[in-house]
Amino acid sequence: MIDLPIIGENQENPVYTKKPNWLRVKLPIGENYKHVRELVDQHKLHTICESGNCPNMGECWGEGTATFMILGNICTRSCGFCAVATGRPDPVDWDEPQRVAEAIHLMKVKHAVITSVDRDELKDGGSIIWQNTIQAIKVLNPKTTLETLIPDFKAEHENIQRIMEVAPEVVSHNIETVERMTRQVRIQAKYWRSMETLKILKKGVMRTKSGIMLGLGEKREEVIQTLNDLRNSGVDVVTIGQYLQPTQKHLPVVRFVHPDEFRELRQIGYELGFDYVESGPLVRSSYHSDKHVVPGYGRQQWLNEQAYN
């Protein structure tokens, strides 16, 4: 493993070397980017690309795709890593599912990703809007494949069942970090509750997916244990990326993880039995998600690499 040195000994307020070259991204430009920008604004939609300060926004929007965030842009949880605003959300917008479906239709995308804020103040956790959105997308865009990056719904089966009934091609819920750091990173979340949500989805014969961030202070053996826990929960696809501090109010980056370590974790993931492992410094949940739909695609790529090497 290769680590960049951290200047200073105070791990609570570390001083970093400058951001490494492998974390540099291109500025968002081009006609496709402008087109997506216009559609998002015109339909008054929220995207996690913007709310989450995603480093891949320029690349993804330039290819005509975006990850839509439903149920508003104010979250009831206050995770230490997330740039989405926390507070009292606006009332549920029951017209939102149709607007999202229409925007996807106008963008003519073959694969769409939907996520949402947490709405813990709602009895259904927002699952009815989720169900309505998936249904609306499928009616207007029957050839579009769909990934849904859902909250944990507090592992309540009735709310998760609403997602399973409308059967998106991939259902994702991110574990985000290792068990030891969950209380610090995902303040109102619980590690094993998230695992239970993923287990319920797998029992419902969903293709499941989860993601982990590195660089928050986790240990190597903890990351491998988390990968084991996800695999034992039936997860098919896992994404592993570098945490980047969105503002000074959020958790600091403890270290920048070298691309070699991400490649090593990709190898470990496939050896554990994951069907697709996306691992790299700029990887985010929805990065290359269109490739995550097809069972066996990622594993076959990896097997071909093993044979070639």
Protein backbone atom coordinates (compact mmCIF):
# COMPACT_ATOMS: atom_id res chain seq x y z
CA MET A 1 0.00 0.00 0.00
CA ILE A 2 1.18 3.53 -0.77
CA ASP A 3 0.08 6.44 1.46
CA LEU A 4 0.73 10.12 0.95
CA PRO A 5 2.38 11.64 4.02
CA ILE A 6 0.32 13.84 6.31
CA ILE A 7 2.11 16.86 7.77
CA GLY A 8 1.55 17.12 11.51
CA GLU A 9 0.50 14.67 14.18
CA ASN A 10 -2.99 15.97 15.07
CA GLN A 11 -5.34 13.49 13.40
CA GLU A 12 -8.43 15.47 14.42
CA ASN A 13 -7.25 18.52 12.48
CA PRO A 14 -4.62 17.18 10.06
CA VAL A 15 -2.70 19.33 7.62
CA TYR A 16 -2.48 17.76 4.17
CA THR A 17 -0.15 17.70 1.28
CA LYS A 18 -1.84 19.19 -1.78
CA LYS A 19 -4.50 17.13 -3.52
CA PRO A 20 -2.71 14.49 -5.63
CA ASN A 21 -2.79 14.51 -9.42
CA TRP A 22 -5.01 11.44 -9.63
CA LEU A 23 -7.87 13.43 -8.06
CA ARG A 24 -7.89 16.19 -10.66
CA VAL A 25 -11.00 16.36 -12.87
CA LYS A 26 -11.97 18.22 -16.03
CA LEU A 27 -14.18 21.30 -15.86
CA PRO A 28 -17.76 20.70 -17.06
CA ILE A 29 -18.06 21.90 -20.67
CA GLY A 30 -19.74 20.95 -23.95
CA GLU A 31 -23.18 20.98 -25.54
CA ASN A 32 -24.41 17.81 -23.77
CA TYR A 33 -23.50 19.31 -20.41
CA LYS A 34 -25.43 22.49 -21.26
CA HIS A 35 -28.42 20.42 -22.42
CA VAL A 36 -28.61 18.48 -19.16
CA ARG A 37 -28.15 21.69 -17.18
CA GLU A 38 -31.09 23.27 -19.01
CA LEU A 39 -33.36 20.24 -18.48
CA VAL A 40 -32.58 20.05 -14.77
CA ASP A 41 -33.35 23.74 -14.34
CA GLN A 42 -36.44 23.69 -16.58
CA HIS A 43 -38.09 20.81 -14.70
CA LYS A 44 -37.06 22.11 -11.27
CA LEU A 45 -35.26 18.88 -10.47
CA HIS A 46 -32.62 18.13 -7.86
CA THR A 47 -29.51 16.12 -8.66
CA ILE A 48 -27.07 14.54 -6.24
CA CYS A 49 -24.42 15.56 -8.77
CA GLU A 50 -24.85 19.16 -7.63
CA SER A 51 -26.02 18.68 -4.03
CA GLY A 52 -23.24 16.19 -3.33
CA ASN A 53 -20.49 18.14 -5.14
CA CYS A 54 -19.66 15.07 -7.23
CA PRO A 55 -16.25 15.29 -8.97
CA ASN A 56 -17.60 13.38 -12.00
CA MET A 57 -20.44 15.78 -12.79
CA GLY A 58 -18.69 17.19 -15.85
CA GLU A 59 -18.00 13.74 -17.31
CA CYS A 60 -21.45 12.30 -16.62
CA TRP A 61 -23.43 15.35 -17.66
CA GLY A 62 -21.24 15.62 -20.74
CA GLU A 63 -22.45 12.12 -21.67
CA GLY A 64 -26.08 13.21 -21.16
CA THR A 65 -26.71 11.42 -17.84
CA ALA A 66 -27.43 12.62 -14.32
CA THR A 67 -28.41 11.12 -10.97
CA PHE A 68 -31.75 12.61 -9.94
CA MET A 69 -32.50 13.21 -6.27
CA ILE A 70 -36.17 12.97 -5.33
CA LEU A 71 -38.09 14.02 -2.20
CA GLY A 72 -36.47 17.45 -2.14
CA ASN A 73 -32.95 18.58 -1.36
CA ILE A 74 -33.15 18.83 2.44
CA CYS A 75 -32.31 15.70 4.45
CA THR A 76 -33.50 14.76 7.94
CA ARG A 77 -30.11 13.21 8.72
CA SER A 78 -26.80 14.99 9.27
CA CYS A 79 -24.07 12.68 8.03
CA GLY A 80 -20.55 13.99 8.61
CA PHE A 81 -19.45 13.42 5.02
CA CYS A 82 -22.43 14.65 3.00
CA ALA A 83 -22.87 18.05 1.36
CA VAL A 84 -26.67 17.77 1.15
CA ALA A 85 -28.41 20.29 3.43
CA THR A 86 -29.91 19.07 6.74
CA GLY A 87 -33.09 20.45 8.26
CA ARG A 88 -36.88 20.36 7.99
CA PRO A 89 -37.81 19.23 4.47
CA ASP A 90 -40.51 20.84 2.36
CA PRO A 91 -43.84 19.02 2.00
CA VAL A 92 -43.87 16.04 -0.38
CA ASP A 93 -44.29 17.09 -4.01
CA TRP A 94 -46.65 14.51 -5.49
CA ASP A 95 -46.05 15.80 -9.04
CA GLU A 96 -42.32 15.11 -8.80
CA PRO A 97 -42.43 11.51 -10.13
CA GLN A 98 -43.95 12.63 -13.43
CA ARG A 99 -41.47 15.50 -13.83
CA VAL A 100 -38.54 13.14 -13.30
CA ALA A 101 -39.97 10.66 -15.82
CA GLU A 102 -40.47 13.41 -18.38
CA ALA A 103 -36.93 14.73 -17.93
CA ILE A 104 -35.47 11.24 -18.44
CA HIS A 105 -37.60 10.92 -21.58
CA LEU A 106 -36.32 14.25 -22.95
CA MET A 107 -32.72 13.30 -22.17
CA LYS A 108 -33.23 10.02 -24.07
CA VAL A 109 -30.99 8.15 -21.63
CA LYS A 110 -30.73 4.37 -21.77
CA HIS A 111 -29.91 4.11 -18.07
CA ALA A 112 -31.07 6.36 -15.23
CA VAL A 113 -30.08 6.61 -11.56
CA ILE A 114 -32.47 7.87 -8.87
CA THR A 115 -31.55 8.64 -5.27
CA SER A 116 -33.15 10.64 -2.46
CA VAL A 117 -32.62 12.41 0.81
CA ASP A 118 -33.71 10.64 4.00
CA ARG A 119 -37.25 11.55 5.04
CA ASP A 120 -37.44 10.08 8.53
CA GLU A 121 -40.30 12.41 9.44
CA LEU A 122 -42.61 10.58 7.00
CA LYS A 123 -44.36 7.43 8.17
CA ASP A 124 -43.54 5.71 4.88
CA GLY A 125 -40.00 7.13 4.80
CA GLY A 126 -40.76 8.48 1.34
CA SER A 127 -41.24 5.00 -0.11
CA ILE A 128 -44.58 5.87 -1.77
CA ILE A 129 -42.97 8.69 -3.79
CA TRP A 130 -40.15 6.28 -4.58
CA GLN A 131 -42.63 3.70 -5.87
CA ASN A 132 -44.56 6.30 -7.88
CA THR A 133 -41.34 7.64 -9.43
CA ILE A 134 -40.13 4.23 -10.57
CA GLN A 135 -43.54 3.43 -12.03
CA ALA A 136 -43.72 6.77 -13.87
CA ILE A 137 -40.25 6.28 -15.34
CA LYS A 138 -41.06 2.78 -16.55
CA VAL A 139 -44.32 3.87 -18.18
CA LEU A 140 -42.75 6.76 -20.09
CA ASN A 141 -39.36 5.13 -20.66
CA PRO A 142 -39.98 1.38 -21.07
CA LYS A 143 -36.51 0.74 -22.55
CA THR A 144 -34.63 2.66 -19.88
CA THR A 145 -32.85 0.58 -17.24
CA LEU A 146 -32.94 1.93 -13.73
CA GLU A 147 -30.77 1.99 -10.62
CA THR A 148 -32.31 3.20 -7.37
CA LEU A 149 -29.98 4.37 -4.60
CA ILE A 150 -32.33 4.20 -1.63
CA PRO A 151 -32.20 5.18 2.07
CA ASP A 152 -32.20 2.40 4.67
CA PHE A 153 -35.95 2.98 5.39
CA LYS A 154 -34.94 1.92 8.93
CA ALA A 155 -35.02 -1.65 7.54
CA GLU A 156 -38.83 -1.56 7.69
CA HIS A 157 -40.00 -4.32 5.39
CA GLU A 158 -43.21 -2.63 4.23
CA ASN A 159 -41.33 0.39 2.88
CA ILE A 160 -38.62 -1.71 1.23
CA GLN A 161 -41.31 -3.94 -0.27
CA ARG A 162 -42.67 -0.95 -2.22
CA ILE A 163 -39.33 -0.71 -4.03
CA MET A 164 -39.21 -4.42 -4.75
CA GLU A 165 -42.75 -4.43 -6.16
CA VAL A 166 -41.77 -2.08 -9.00
CA ALA A 167 -38.53 -4.01 -9.65
CA PRO A 168 -35.80 -1.59 -10.75
CA GLU A 169 -32.87 -3.36 -12.40
CA VAL A 170 -30.49 -2.46 -9.55
CA VAL A 171 -31.27 -1.43 -5.96
CA SER A 172 -28.40 0.23 -4.13
CA HIS A 173 -27.93 1.29 -0.52
CA ASN A 174 -24.53 2.56 0.60
CA ILE A 175 -22.85 1.34 3.75
CA GLU A 176 -20.41 4.29 3.30
CA THR A 177 -17.83 3.29 5.94
CA VAL A 178 -16.66 0.55 8.28
CA GLU A 179 -18.60 -0.51 11.38
CA ARG A 180 -16.31 1.26 13.87
CA MET A 181 -16.73 4.62 12.16
CA THR A 182 -20.44 4.47 11.37
CA ARG A 183 -21.59 6.55 14.35
CA GLN A 184 -19.11 9.29 13.44
CA VAL A 185 -19.67 9.25 9.67
CA ARG A 186 -23.39 8.38 9.42
CA ILE A 187 -24.65 9.84 12.67
CA GLN A 188 -28.28 8.62 12.62
CA ALA A 189 -27.57 5.42 10.71
CA LYS A 190 -26.67 1.95 11.96
CA TYR A 191 -24.20 -0.38 10.27
CA TRP A 192 -26.14 -3.61 10.79
CA ARG A 193 -29.47 -1.96 10.00
CA SER A 194 -28.08 -1.06 6.60
CA MET A 195 -26.90 -4.64 6.18
CA GLU A 196 -30.41 -5.83 7.07
CA THR A 197 -31.91 -3.54 4.40
CA LEU A 198 -29.57 -5.09 1.84
CA LYS A 199 -30.48 -8.60 3.01
CA ILE A 200 -34.21 -7.88 2.63
CA LEU A 201 -33.61 -6.63 -0.91
CA LYS A 202 -31.62 -9.74 -1.82
CA LYS A 203 -34.35 -12.00 -0.41
CA GLY A 204 -36.68 -10.11 -2.76
CA VAL A 205 -34.47 -11.26 -5.66
CA MET A 206 -33.14 -7.76 -6.35
CA ARG A 207 -29.73 -7.12 -7.90
CA THR A 208 -28.12 -5.28 -5.00
CA LYS A 209 -25.30 -2.78 -4.73
CA SER A 210 -23.46 -0.83 -2.03
CA GLY A 211 -20.57 1.62 -1.71
CA ILE A 212 -17.70 2.49 0.64
CA MET A 213 -15.60 5.65 0.99
CA LEU A 214 -11.92 5.49 1.94
CA GLY A 215 -9.70 8.09 3.57
CA LEU A 216 -11.72 8.80 6.72
CA GLY A 217 -9.42 6.95 9.09
CA GLU A 218 -10.53 3.36 8.52
CA LYS A 219 -8.01 0.51 8.71
CA ARG A 220 -7.27 -1.90 5.90
CA GLU A 221 -8.55 -4.93 7.80
CA GLU A 222 -11.78 -3.05 8.58
CA VAL A 223 -12.37 -2.35 4.89
CA ILE A 224 -11.89 -6.02 4.06
CA GLN A 225 -14.26 -6.99 6.88
CA THR A 226 -16.86 -4.59 5.51
CA LEU A 227 -16.50 -6.15 2.07
CA ASN A 228 -17.02 -9.55 3.69
CA ASP A 229 -20.12 -8.30 5.52
CA LEU A 230 -21.56 -6.88 2.30
CA ARG A 231 -20.91 -10.09 0.43
CA ASN A 232 -22.51 -12.12 3.24
CA SER A 233 -25.54 -9.82 2.92
CA GLY A 234 -25.88 -10.89 -0.70
CA VAL A 235 -24.58 -7.70 -2.34
CA ASP A 236 -23.74 -8.16 -6.03
CA VAL A 237 -22.02 -4.87 -6.89
CA VAL A 238 -19.70 -2.77 -4.73
CA THR A 239 -18.14 0.64 -5.37
CA ILE A 240 -15.04 1.89 -3.53
CA GLY A 241 -13.91 5.52 -3.80
CA GLN A 242 -11.95 8.31 -2.13
CA TYR A 243 -13.74 10.54 0.39
CA LEU A 244 -13.36 14.24 -0.39
CA GLN A 245 -14.27 16.85 2.22
CA PRO A 246 -17.10 18.97 0.74
CA THR A 247 -16.70 21.92 3.19
CA GLN A 248 -14.67 22.82 6.26
CA LYS A 249 -17.68 21.86 8.41
CA HIS A 250 -17.51 18.24 7.29
CA LEU A 251 -15.22 15.44 8.39
CA PRO A 252 -11.59 15.95 7.33
CA VAL A 253 -9.72 13.72 4.91
CA VAL A 254 -7.26 11.67 6.95
CA ARG A 255 -5.40 10.38 3.91
CA PHE A 256 -5.52 10.24 0.14
CA VAL A 257 -5.57 6.61 -0.91
CA HIS A 258 -3.24 5.73 -3.80
CA PRO A 259 -4.72 4.16 -6.96
CA ASP A 260 -2.60 1.04 -6.36
CA GLU A 261 -4.53 0.35 -3.17
CA PHE A 262 -7.83 0.76 -4.99
CA ARG A 263 -6.65 -1.78 -7.57
CA GLU A 264 -5.71 -4.16 -4.77
CA LEU A 265 -9.17 -3.82 -3.17
CA ARG A 266 -10.78 -4.46 -6.55
CA GLN A 267 -8.88 -7.73 -6.75
CA ILE A 268 -9.92 -8.67 -3.19
CA GLY A 269 -13.54 -7.84 -3.97
CA TYR A 270 -13.67 -10.16 -6.94
CA GLU A 271 -11.93 -12.90 -4.94
CA LEU A 272 -14.66 -12.55 -2.30
CA GLY A 273 -17.26 -13.23 -4.98
CA PHE A 274 -18.72 -9.85 -5.95
CA ASP A 275 -20.16 -9.77 -9.44
CA TYR A 276 -18.89 -6.25 -10.16
CA VAL A 277 -16.28 -4.19 -8.30
CA GLU A 278 -15.78 -0.52 -9.19
CA SER A 279 -12.74 0.75 -7.29
CA GLY A 280 -10.78 3.96 -7.81
CA PRO A 281 -10.12 7.42 -6.35
CA LEU A 282 -12.92 9.17 -8.28
CA VAL A 283 -15.44 6.33 -8.10
CA ARG A 284 -18.87 7.35 -6.77
CA SER A 285 -22.04 5.28 -6.39
CA SER A 286 -23.47 6.00 -9.81
CA TYR A 287 -20.17 6.10 -11.72
CA HIS A 288 -20.42 3.77 -14.75
CA SER A 289 -23.64 2.43 -13.24
CA ASP A 290 -25.01 1.42 -16.64
CA LYS A 291 -22.39 -1.35 -16.66
CA HIS A 292 -23.54 -2.60 -13.24
CA VAL A 293 -26.91 -3.75 -14.58
CA VAL A 294 -25.69 -6.76 -16.55
CA PRO A 295 -25.01 -9.87 -14.41
CA GLY A 296 -21.58 -11.36 -15.01
CA TYR A 297 -20.19 -8.42 -17.02
CA GLY A 298 -17.70 -7.17 -14.44
CA ARG A 299 -16.63 -10.61 -13.28
CA GLN A 300 -16.00 -11.74 -16.85
CA GLN A 301 -13.83 -8.69 -17.46
CA TRP A 302 -11.83 -9.53 -14.35
CA LEU A 303 -11.47 -13.18 -15.35
CA ASN A 304 -10.21 -12.09 -18.77
CA GLU A 305 -7.64 -9.88 -17.06
CA GLN A 306 -6.49 -12.81 -14.90
CA ALA A 307 -6.09 -15.01 -17.95
CA TYR A 308 -4.18 -12.30 -19.83
CA ASN A 309 -1.82 -11.68 -16.91
